[in-house]
Amino acid sequence: MSIKQKRICVTGGRGFLGSHIINIFKRKGYAHLFSADIDEYDLRLAADINRMYQIIKPDIVIHCAARVGGIGANREHPGEFFYDNLVMGANVLEYARRYGVEKFVAIGTICSYPKHTPVPFKEEDLWNGYPEETNAPYGLAKKMLLVQSHAYRQQYGFNSIYLMPVNLYGPGDNFDPATSHVIPALIKRCLDAIEHGQHEIVVWGTGSASREFLYVEDCADAVLLATERYNGASPINIGAGFEITIRDLVQFIISLTGYIGTITWDTSKPDGQPRRMLDTSKAEEAFGFKAKTDFEIGLKKTITWYREHHT
């Protein structure tokens, strides 16, 4: 049977990354795509996971469902971020094994890396320290999917791969101020300030921390390629291979949105991990992935999407 005829289940398929994954699989001619979302299946509950596998009968599972948020949400709900992600991952993978799923694609996170990982982050550095404190519960919970994948490969010969995307952005992102990440949060603040005639925006931290950002459609393309071509045990970084400070990011978004007010840095709030940038060479070597979307073009598309959907 062609892989395009396989039954593919994307957990969290109506979420930010999941929806883009389903779209790209559709564009590539995949015939049997299914989404498992919270309104139908609470993936923290074994009974719902069992029901999902009985109804969907997937050959391949792409596990995107996660409890995610920015620094503020991680600080306020560390227990929930740990428990929800740990239990979802462990049970979705365990039941995939029980139901004879052919391949499991686990979506991890860059937050699993140690706080002071040398830049660029190499996959071999993943176990060399503790993650940055504000998102460690989330990062460690997701990291357990890698441990479980290795254990199941060793004991059961189960084909589970593990991908680690860097910070994502793009159309359909979460713009809720309580849970959003830095790019959608900044876009919303700038456009809201313009709309309401405000002349000051407050940004957390010092602006000195750096981040790498990957356009969500590029990440979806990486997941497609890995699903088709990669069956290895090693975790793989998924990124764009560039670094920008938060201070420079703020100036970039200000220029693209047209905001002309002042920026106030709230240095009582944390910067998060000091630096983030991935070595992305293994993704290119293993399954031919290389990010395509220019950062400015990606930001413009994200801003346009927000204007069209929130005005």
Protein backbone atom coordinates (compact mmCIF):
# COMPACT_ATOMS: atom_id res chain seq x y z
CA MET A 1 0.00 0.00 0.00
CA SER A 2 1.25 3.49 -0.87
CA ILE A 3 1.94 5.68 2.15
CA LYS A 4 -0.58 8.13 0.70
CA GLN A 5 -3.28 5.52 1.26
CA LYS A 6 -2.39 5.02 4.92
CA ARG A 7 -4.76 6.19 7.63
CA ILE A 8 -3.05 9.11 9.38
CA CYS A 9 -4.24 10.56 12.68
CA VAL A 10 -3.00 13.99 13.76
CA THR A 11 -3.67 14.65 17.43
CA GLY A 12 -4.45 18.31 17.92
CA GLY A 13 -5.19 18.48 14.21
CA ARG A 14 -7.28 21.62 14.52
CA GLY A 15 -4.56 23.38 16.51
CA PHE A 16 -1.89 25.74 15.21
CA LEU A 17 0.70 23.29 13.91
CA GLY A 18 -1.72 20.38 13.49
CA SER A 19 -4.00 22.24 11.09
CA HIS A 20 -1.03 23.16 8.88
CA ILE A 21 0.17 19.56 8.93
CA ILE A 22 -3.21 18.31 7.75
CA ASN A 23 -3.30 20.96 5.03
CA ILE A 24 0.09 20.02 3.61
CA PHE A 25 -0.69 16.31 3.69
CA LYS A 26 -3.90 17.04 1.78
CA ARG A 27 -2.01 19.10 -0.79
CA LYS A 28 0.41 16.21 -1.28
CA GLY A 29 -2.42 13.80 -2.07
CA TYR A 30 -2.88 11.91 1.17
CA ALA A 31 -6.32 10.35 1.15
CA HIS A 32 -7.17 9.36 4.73
CA LEU A 33 -6.48 12.11 7.28
CA PHE A 34 -8.09 12.30 10.70
CA SER A 35 -7.90 14.83 13.51
CA ALA A 36 -8.19 13.96 17.20
CA ASP A 37 -9.10 17.09 19.18
CA ILE A 38 -10.16 17.94 22.71
CA ASP A 39 -13.84 18.39 21.87
CA GLU A 40 -14.03 14.70 20.88
CA TYR A 41 -11.14 13.06 22.72
CA ASP A 42 -9.57 14.15 25.99
CA LEU A 43 -6.13 12.63 25.45
CA ARG A 44 -5.37 12.78 29.16
CA LEU A 45 -7.91 9.98 29.61
CA ALA A 46 -7.05 6.42 28.67
CA ALA A 47 -10.69 5.65 27.80
CA ASP A 48 -10.80 8.47 25.23
CA ILE A 49 -7.47 7.41 23.72
CA ASN A 50 -8.69 3.84 23.47
CA ARG A 51 -11.87 5.05 21.75
CA MET A 52 -9.83 7.20 19.36
CA TYR A 53 -7.80 4.22 18.19
CA GLN A 54 -10.88 2.03 17.87
CA ILE A 55 -12.73 4.59 15.71
CA ILE A 56 -9.90 6.03 13.60
CA LYS A 57 -7.79 2.85 13.24
CA PRO A 58 -4.68 4.80 12.21
CA ASP A 59 -1.63 3.34 10.51
CA ILE A 60 0.41 6.44 11.38
CA VAL A 61 0.00 8.82 14.33
CA ILE A 62 1.44 12.35 14.40
CA HIS A 63 1.22 13.54 18.00
CA CYS A 64 0.85 17.34 17.99
CA ALA A 65 -1.65 17.77 20.82
CA ALA A 66 -0.05 19.66 23.71
CA ARG A 67 -0.68 22.12 26.49
CA VAL A 68 1.44 25.09 25.36
CA GLY A 69 1.95 28.76 26.17
CA GLY A 70 4.45 31.55 26.64
CA ILE A 71 6.64 32.30 29.65
CA GLY A 72 3.75 33.74 31.68
CA ALA A 73 1.48 30.72 31.17
CA ASN A 74 4.31 28.31 31.99
CA ARG A 75 5.08 30.19 35.21
CA GLU A 76 1.45 30.24 36.33
CA HIS A 77 0.57 26.62 35.48
CA PRO A 78 3.73 24.48 35.76
CA GLY A 79 1.89 21.52 37.25
CA GLU A 80 -0.72 21.44 34.50
CA PHE A 81 1.88 21.90 31.77
CA PHE A 82 3.85 18.97 33.18
CA TYR A 83 0.98 16.60 33.91
CA ASP A 84 -1.12 17.20 30.81
CA ASN A 85 1.78 16.83 28.39
CA LEU A 86 3.32 13.86 30.18
CA VAL A 87 0.09 11.89 30.42
CA MET A 88 -1.03 12.69 26.88
CA GLY A 89 2.28 11.65 25.37
CA ALA A 90 2.74 8.50 27.42
CA ASN A 91 -0.75 7.16 26.78
CA VAL A 92 -1.09 8.13 23.12
CA LEU A 93 2.21 6.36 22.40
CA GLU A 94 1.42 3.33 24.59
CA TYR A 95 -1.94 2.77 22.91
CA ALA A 96 -0.34 3.24 19.49
CA ARG A 97 1.86 0.28 20.35
CA ARG A 98 -1.07 -1.78 21.61
CA TYR A 99 -3.08 -1.13 18.45
CA GLY A 100 -0.23 -2.00 16.11
CA VAL A 101 0.35 1.48 14.67
CA GLU A 102 3.09 1.33 12.02
CA LYS A 103 4.75 4.65 12.80
CA PHE A 104 4.53 7.28 15.52
CA VAL A 105 5.76 10.83 14.91
CA ALA A 106 6.32 12.57 18.24
CA ILE A 107 6.45 16.36 18.18
CA GLY A 108 8.82 17.46 20.93
CA THR A 109 10.09 20.94 21.75
CA ILE A 110 13.23 23.04 21.86
CA CYS A 111 12.32 23.75 25.51
CA SER A 112 13.78 20.33 26.36
CA TYR A 113 17.32 21.61 25.83
CA PRO A 114 19.48 22.62 28.82
CA LYS A 115 19.33 26.29 29.79
CA HIS A 116 22.93 27.04 28.78
CA THR A 117 23.23 24.87 25.69
CA PRO A 118 26.01 26.17 23.40
CA VAL A 119 24.70 27.83 20.23
CA PRO A 120 23.87 26.33 17.81
CA PHE A 121 22.02 23.60 19.73
CA LYS A 122 23.10 20.15 18.59
CA GLU A 123 20.99 17.07 19.26
CA GLU A 124 23.91 15.54 21.17
CA ASP A 125 23.62 18.35 23.78
CA LEU A 126 20.08 17.43 24.78
CA TRP A 127 21.03 15.64 28.02
CA ASN A 128 23.83 17.95 29.17
CA GLY A 129 21.85 19.91 31.78
CA TYR A 130 18.52 21.08 33.15
CA PRO A 131 16.13 23.16 30.99
CA GLU A 132 15.45 26.86 31.59
CA GLU A 133 13.39 27.04 34.78
CA THR A 134 10.29 28.86 33.50
CA ASN A 135 9.48 26.14 30.95
CA ALA A 136 11.29 23.13 32.42
CA PRO A 137 8.11 21.23 33.45
CA TYR A 138 6.78 21.48 29.90
CA GLY A 139 10.15 20.73 28.29
CA LEU A 140 10.82 17.70 30.48
CA ALA A 141 7.33 16.27 30.02
CA LYS A 142 7.75 16.42 26.25
CA LYS A 143 11.28 15.02 26.55
CA MET A 144 9.87 11.87 28.13
CA LEU A 145 8.34 11.06 24.74
CA LEU A 146 11.90 10.62 23.48
CA VAL A 147 12.76 8.30 26.38
CA GLN A 148 9.58 6.32 25.75
CA SER A 149 10.27 6.18 22.01
CA HIS A 150 13.74 4.75 22.63
CA ALA A 151 12.42 2.24 25.18
CA TYR A 152 9.66 1.02 22.85
CA ARG A 153 12.05 0.76 19.93
CA GLN A 154 14.39 -1.33 22.08
CA GLN A 155 11.80 -3.65 23.62
CA TYR A 156 9.09 -3.85 20.97
CA GLY A 157 10.79 -2.78 17.74
CA PHE A 158 8.26 0.07 17.59
CA ASN A 159 8.95 2.79 15.02
CA SER A 160 8.63 6.09 16.87
CA ILE A 161 10.55 9.17 15.70
CA TYR A 162 11.07 12.39 17.64
CA LEU A 163 11.18 15.89 16.14
CA MET A 164 12.09 19.09 18.03
CA PRO A 165 10.69 22.23 16.41
CA VAL A 166 12.02 25.64 17.38
CA ASN A 167 9.62 28.52 18.22
CA LEU A 168 6.86 28.57 15.59
CA TYR A 169 4.90 31.51 14.20
CA GLY A 170 2.52 32.18 11.33
CA PRO A 171 -1.14 32.42 10.30
CA GLY A 172 -3.49 30.79 12.78
CA ASP A 173 -1.18 31.35 15.75
CA ASN A 174 -2.53 31.87 19.26
CA PHE A 175 -2.98 35.60 19.93
CA ASP A 176 -4.53 35.27 23.40
CA PRO A 177 -2.42 37.55 25.67
CA ALA A 178 -2.67 35.07 28.55
CA THR A 179 -1.06 32.17 26.68
CA SER A 180 0.54 33.45 23.47
CA HIS A 181 4.21 33.30 22.54
CA VAL A 182 6.35 36.32 21.80
CA ILE A 183 5.63 37.00 18.11
CA PRO A 184 1.81 36.91 18.25
CA ALA A 185 1.90 38.78 21.57
CA LEU A 186 3.98 41.59 20.07
CA ILE A 187 1.90 41.78 16.89
CA LYS A 188 -1.29 42.06 18.93
CA ARG A 189 0.14 44.71 21.25
CA CYS A 190 1.36 46.86 18.36
CA LEU A 191 -1.85 46.64 16.34
CA ASP A 192 -4.06 47.13 19.41
CA ALA A 193 -2.02 50.20 20.38
CA ILE A 194 -2.44 51.65 16.90
CA GLU A 195 -6.18 50.96 16.97
CA HIS A 196 -6.72 52.50 20.41
CA GLY A 197 -4.26 55.39 20.10
CA GLN A 198 -1.94 54.10 22.80
CA HIS A 199 1.62 55.43 22.89
CA GLU A 200 3.37 52.86 25.07
CA ILE A 201 3.91 49.11 24.88
CA VAL A 202 5.37 47.11 27.78
CA VAL A 203 7.59 44.15 26.88
CA TRP A 204 8.87 41.55 29.34
CA GLY A 205 12.57 41.19 30.13
CA THR A 206 15.65 43.05 28.98
CA GLY A 207 15.46 42.26 25.27
CA SER A 208 18.90 40.62 25.36
CA ALA A 209 17.70 37.03 25.02
CA SER A 210 17.76 35.56 21.53
CA ARG A 211 15.38 33.24 19.73
CA GLU A 212 15.07 31.37 16.48
CA PHE A 213 11.72 31.31 14.72
CA LEU A 214 10.32 28.89 12.14
CA TYR A 215 7.36 29.64 9.91
CA VAL A 216 4.63 27.12 10.72
CA GLU A 217 4.15 25.96 7.12
CA ASP A 218 7.86 25.13 6.94
CA CYS A 219 7.51 23.07 10.11
CA ALA A 220 4.54 21.22 8.63
CA ASP A 221 6.66 20.47 5.56
CA ALA A 222 9.38 19.05 7.84
CA VAL A 223 6.85 16.78 9.55
CA LEU A 224 5.66 15.52 6.16
CA LEU A 225 9.20 14.77 4.98
CA ALA A 226 10.10 13.03 8.25
CA THR A 227 6.93 10.94 8.11
CA GLU A 228 7.80 9.83 4.60
CA ARG A 229 11.56 9.41 4.88
CA TYR A 230 12.87 9.15 8.45
CA ASN A 231 12.76 6.09 10.68
CA GLY A 232 15.73 6.67 12.96
CA ALA A 233 15.97 6.68 16.75
CA SER A 234 17.88 9.96 17.06
CA PRO A 235 15.94 13.16 17.86
CA ILE A 236 16.02 15.72 15.06
CA ASN A 237 16.04 19.53 15.31
CA ILE A 238 13.52 21.36 13.12
CA GLY A 239 14.41 25.01 12.63
CA ALA A 240 15.42 27.83 10.34
CA GLY A 241 19.03 28.19 11.48
CA PHE A 242 19.11 31.88 12.46
CA GLU A 243 19.10 33.88 15.68
CA ILE A 244 17.56 37.24 16.59
CA THR A 245 17.48 39.09 19.91
CA ILE A 246 14.10 39.96 21.39
CA ARG A 247 15.10 43.65 21.24
CA ASP A 248 15.73 43.40 17.49
CA LEU A 249 12.55 41.37 17.04
CA VAL A 250 10.52 44.10 18.74
CA GLN A 251 11.98 46.74 16.42
CA PHE A 252 11.28 44.55 13.40
CA ILE A 253 7.63 44.03 14.33
CA ILE A 254 7.22 47.73 15.15
CA SER A 255 8.44 48.64 11.68
CA LEU A 256 6.16 46.10 9.96
CA THR A 257 3.03 47.06 11.91
CA GLY A 258 3.57 50.82 11.78
CA TYR A 259 3.47 51.38 15.53
CA ILE A 260 5.23 54.66 16.43
CA GLY A 261 4.95 54.79 20.22
CA THR A 262 7.52 53.96 22.89
CA ILE A 263 8.68 50.59 24.23
CA THR A 264 9.08 50.05 27.97
CA TRP A 265 11.09 47.03 29.09
CA ASP A 266 9.79 45.42 32.29
CA THR A 267 13.07 44.02 33.59
CA SER A 268 11.35 42.56 36.66
CA LYS A 269 10.01 39.85 34.30
CA PRO A 270 12.19 36.95 33.10
CA ASP A 271 13.98 36.72 29.76
CA GLY A 272 13.61 32.96 29.64
CA GLN A 273 16.39 30.92 28.04
CA PRO A 274 19.37 33.22 27.29
CA ARG A 275 19.89 32.07 23.69
CA ARG A 276 18.20 29.75 21.23
CA MET A 277 19.37 28.65 17.83
CA LEU A 278 19.46 25.18 16.36
CA ASP A 279 21.93 23.24 14.30
CA THR A 280 19.56 22.02 11.58
CA SER A 281 22.03 19.97 9.53
CA LYS A 282 20.67 16.57 10.59
CA ALA A 283 17.17 17.34 9.30
CA GLU A 284 18.61 18.16 5.90
CA GLU A 285 20.81 15.07 5.90
CA ALA A 286 18.16 12.67 7.21
CA PHE A 287 15.11 13.69 5.18
CA GLY A 288 15.97 16.69 3.03
CA PHE A 289 14.34 19.45 5.07
CA LYS A 290 15.51 23.04 4.82
CA ALA A 291 13.38 26.02 5.84
CA LYS A 292 12.23 28.13 2.88
CA THR A 293 10.28 31.10 4.23
CA ASP A 294 12.11 34.40 4.66
CA PHE A 295 11.52 35.79 8.16
CA GLU A 296 10.21 39.17 6.97
CA ILE A 297 7.80 37.54 4.52
CA GLY A 298 6.59 35.17 7.24
CA LEU A 299 6.00 38.04 9.66
CA LYS A 300 4.11 40.03 7.04
CA LYS A 301 1.84 37.05 6.35
CA THR A 302 1.21 36.60 10.08
CA ILE A 303 0.38 40.29 10.55
CA THR A 304 -1.95 40.22 7.55
CA TRP A 305 -3.70 37.12 8.91
CA TYR A 306 -4.21 38.77 12.30
CA ARG A 307 -5.62 41.93 10.73
CA GLU A 308 -8.06 39.91 8.64
CA HIS A 309 -9.27 37.76 11.53
CA HIS A 310 -9.20 40.15 14.52
CA THR A 311 -10.56 43.45 13.22
